[in-house]
């Protein structure tokens, strides 16, 4: 089961200037717990914004740059090749960025979304979730607190 995991704002904002716009420790904790032990597939810009392979995960980077190299990572030139590399993993995750999400949204089985209940100025956006294709199966809502600056929800969708 291939899953897209993403944190998006109410206006589908993902980030600005190759960085996250908000800081939600609860989302980062959930991301770590959910993806640990699995392949995480991402574009080069997303990898470079993270800066290193994440512990206890197999990092797969998609880039058109044939000379790109990242120590401790697998580098491929297409989403299809990334999925092929991760085929032995029963639950690989696609973690961004916007171009990779756009390519993958109709290919994956599940969406694991953190919705940040705020609108942000951004330069990259998550594709529209087409509710004729996706069914919401779980939603947990959380209020902002001393560590998390915004209300947010964890939402799971499966393909109909």
Protein backbone atom coordinates (compact mmCIF):
# COMPACT_ATOMS: atom_id res chain seq x y z
CA UNK A 1 0.00 0.00 0.00
CA UNK A 2 1.70 3.18 -1.22
CA UNK A 3 0.82 6.25 0.83
CA UNK A 4 1.26 9.97 0.31
CA UNK A 5 2.03 11.66 3.61
CA UNK A 6 1.82 15.44 3.72
CA UNK A 7 1.08 18.43 5.93
CA UNK A 8 -1.03 20.97 4.08
CA UNK A 9 -2.81 24.18 4.98
CA UNK A 10 -6.48 24.92 4.38
CA UNK A 11 -5.53 26.57 1.06
CA UNK A 12 -3.43 23.49 0.08
CA UNK A 13 -0.19 25.38 0.85
CA UNK A 14 2.83 23.12 1.35
CA UNK A 15 5.76 25.46 1.64
CA UNK A 16 7.60 28.55 0.59
CA UNK A 17 11.20 29.04 -0.52
CA UNK A 18 11.84 25.28 -0.26
CA UNK A 19 10.90 25.20 3.41
CA UNK A 20 7.93 24.45 5.63
CA UNK A 21 5.82 27.46 6.59
CA UNK A 22 4.75 26.27 10.05
CA UNK A 23 6.20 24.30 12.92
CA UNK A 24 3.96 21.57 14.35
CA UNK A 25 5.92 19.20 16.61
CA UNK A 26 2.90 16.86 16.80
CA UNK A 27 2.99 16.44 13.02
CA UNK A 28 6.75 15.81 13.01
CA UNK A 29 6.33 13.17 15.74
CA UNK A 30 3.53 11.49 13.79
CA UNK A 31 5.61 11.59 10.58
CA UNK A 32 8.56 9.93 12.32
CA UNK A 33 6.40 7.22 13.93
CA UNK A 34 4.46 6.51 10.72
CA UNK A 35 7.38 6.39 8.28
CA UNK A 36 9.98 4.73 10.50
CA UNK A 37 11.24 1.46 9.03
CA UNK A 38 9.91 2.24 5.55
CA UNK A 39 11.05 3.69 2.23
CA UNK A 40 10.44 7.42 1.92
CA UNK A 41 10.27 8.71 -1.64
CA UNK A 42 10.89 12.39 -2.36
CA UNK A 43 12.07 14.86 -4.94
CA UNK A 44 15.54 16.38 -4.81
CA UNK A 45 14.32 19.75 -3.49
CA UNK A 46 12.53 18.06 -0.60
CA UNK A 47 15.65 16.05 0.21
CA UNK A 48 17.81 19.17 0.12
CA UNK A 49 15.39 21.00 2.44
CA UNK A 50 15.75 18.10 4.92
CA UNK A 51 19.51 18.02 4.36
CA UNK A 52 20.28 14.39 5.16
CA UNK A 53 18.83 10.87 5.09
CA UNK A 54 16.37 10.39 7.93
CA UNK A 55 17.25 7.69 10.48
CA UNK A 56 15.62 4.25 10.29
CA UNK A 57 14.23 4.88 6.79
CA UNK A 58 15.39 4.13 3.26
CA UNK A 59 15.62 7.45 1.43
CA UNK A 60 14.77 7.39 -2.28
CA UNK A 61 15.38 10.64 -4.17
CA UNK A 62 13.87 11.42 -7.58
CA UNK A 63 15.84 13.82 -9.78
CA UNK A 64 16.43 14.42 -13.47
CA UNK A 65 20.06 15.29 -12.67
CA UNK A 66 21.93 12.14 -13.74
CA UNK A 67 25.06 13.21 -11.80
CA UNK A 68 23.22 13.74 -8.50
CA UNK A 69 24.59 11.78 -5.58
CA UNK A 70 23.52 11.73 -1.94
CA UNK A 71 25.40 9.56 0.52
CA UNK A 72 23.20 6.94 2.14
CA UNK A 73 20.36 7.44 -0.36
CA UNK A 74 19.06 5.75 -3.48
CA UNK A 75 18.82 8.16 -6.43
CA UNK A 76 16.49 7.47 -9.38
CA UNK A 77 15.15 9.53 -12.27
CA UNK A 78 11.41 8.79 -12.12
CA UNK A 79 8.54 8.03 -9.77
CA UNK A 80 8.10 4.64 -11.48
CA UNK A 81 11.72 3.74 -10.69
CA UNK A 82 11.31 4.93 -7.10
CA UNK A 83 8.26 2.72 -6.64
CA UNK A 84 10.15 -0.20 -8.20
CA UNK A 85 13.02 0.29 -5.72
CA UNK A 86 10.50 0.28 -2.85
CA UNK A 87 8.41 -2.68 -4.06
CA UNK A 88 9.58 -5.02 -1.27
CA UNK A 89 8.32 -2.52 1.34
CA UNK A 90 4.66 -3.22 2.06
CA UNK A 91 4.11 0.43 2.98
CA UNK A 92 6.38 2.97 1.28
CA UNK A 93 5.63 6.67 1.71
CA UNK A 94 5.79 9.53 -0.77
CA UNK A 95 6.78 12.59 1.23
CA UNK A 96 6.97 15.38 -1.37
CA UNK A 97 7.37 17.83 -2.82
CA UNK A 98 4.59 19.34 -4.86
CA UNK A 99 5.69 17.95 -8.26
CA UNK A 100 6.05 14.44 -6.86
CA UNK A 101 2.66 14.67 -5.11
CA UNK A 102 1.11 15.79 -8.40
CA UNK A 103 2.59 12.78 -10.22
CA UNK A 104 1.69 10.32 -7.48
CA UNK A 105 -1.78 11.30 -6.26
CA UNK A 106 -3.62 9.09 -8.75
CA UNK A 107 -1.20 6.18 -8.33
CA UNK A 108 -1.23 5.74 -4.56
CA UNK A 109 -3.63 3.78 -2.35
CA UNK A 110 -3.84 6.11 0.62
CA UNK A 111 -3.41 9.74 1.68
CA UNK A 112 -2.17 10.47 5.20
CA UNK A 113 -2.74 14.20 5.62
CA UNK A 114 -2.11 16.66 8.41
CA UNK A 115 -4.37 19.61 7.73
CA UNK A 116 -3.17 22.81 9.35
CA UNK A 117 -6.25 24.93 10.05
CA UNK A 118 -4.87 28.18 8.72
CA UNK A 119 -4.20 29.75 5.32
CA UNK A 120 -0.63 30.62 4.42
CA UNK A 121 1.18 32.47 1.68
CA UNK A 122 3.09 29.79 -0.26
CA UNK A 123 4.82 29.05 -3.53
CA UNK A 124 4.09 25.30 -3.64
CA UNK A 125 0.73 23.63 -3.15
CA UNK A 126 -0.68 20.15 -2.67
CA UNK A 127 -2.93 18.94 -5.51
CA UNK A 128 -6.68 19.11 -4.98
CA UNK A 129 -8.05 16.00 -3.24
CA UNK A 130 -10.83 14.78 -5.53
CA UNK A 131 -13.55 13.42 -3.25
CA UNK A 132 -15.00 11.38 -6.14
CA UNK A 133 -11.77 9.32 -5.96
CA UNK A 134 -10.94 9.50 -2.24
CA UNK A 135 -12.93 8.51 0.83
CA UNK A 136 -12.15 9.98 4.23
CA UNK A 137 -11.87 7.10 6.71
CA UNK A 138 -10.44 8.76 9.81
CA UNK A 139 -10.12 12.27 11.24
CA UNK A 140 -8.64 13.40 14.54
CA UNK A 141 -8.86 17.10 15.40
CA UNK A 142 -6.45 18.86 17.77
CA UNK A 143 -6.45 22.38 19.20
CA UNK A 144 -3.33 24.52 19.21
CA UNK A 145 -1.32 24.32 22.41
CA UNK A 146 1.95 25.55 23.89
CA UNK A 147 3.97 23.48 21.38
CA UNK A 148 1.75 23.65 18.28
CA UNK A 149 0.84 27.11 17.00
CA UNK A 150 -2.24 26.12 14.98
CA UNK A 151 -5.28 23.88 15.21
CA UNK A 152 -4.74 20.80 13.04
CA UNK A 153 -6.28 17.50 12.03
CA UNK A 154 -4.84 14.13 11.10
CA UNK A 155 -6.93 12.78 8.19
CA UNK A 156 -6.68 9.44 6.41
CA UNK A 157 -8.16 8.82 2.96
CA UNK A 158 -8.35 5.63 0.96
CA UNK A 159 -8.99 5.31 -2.73
CA UNK A 160 -12.63 4.43 -3.48
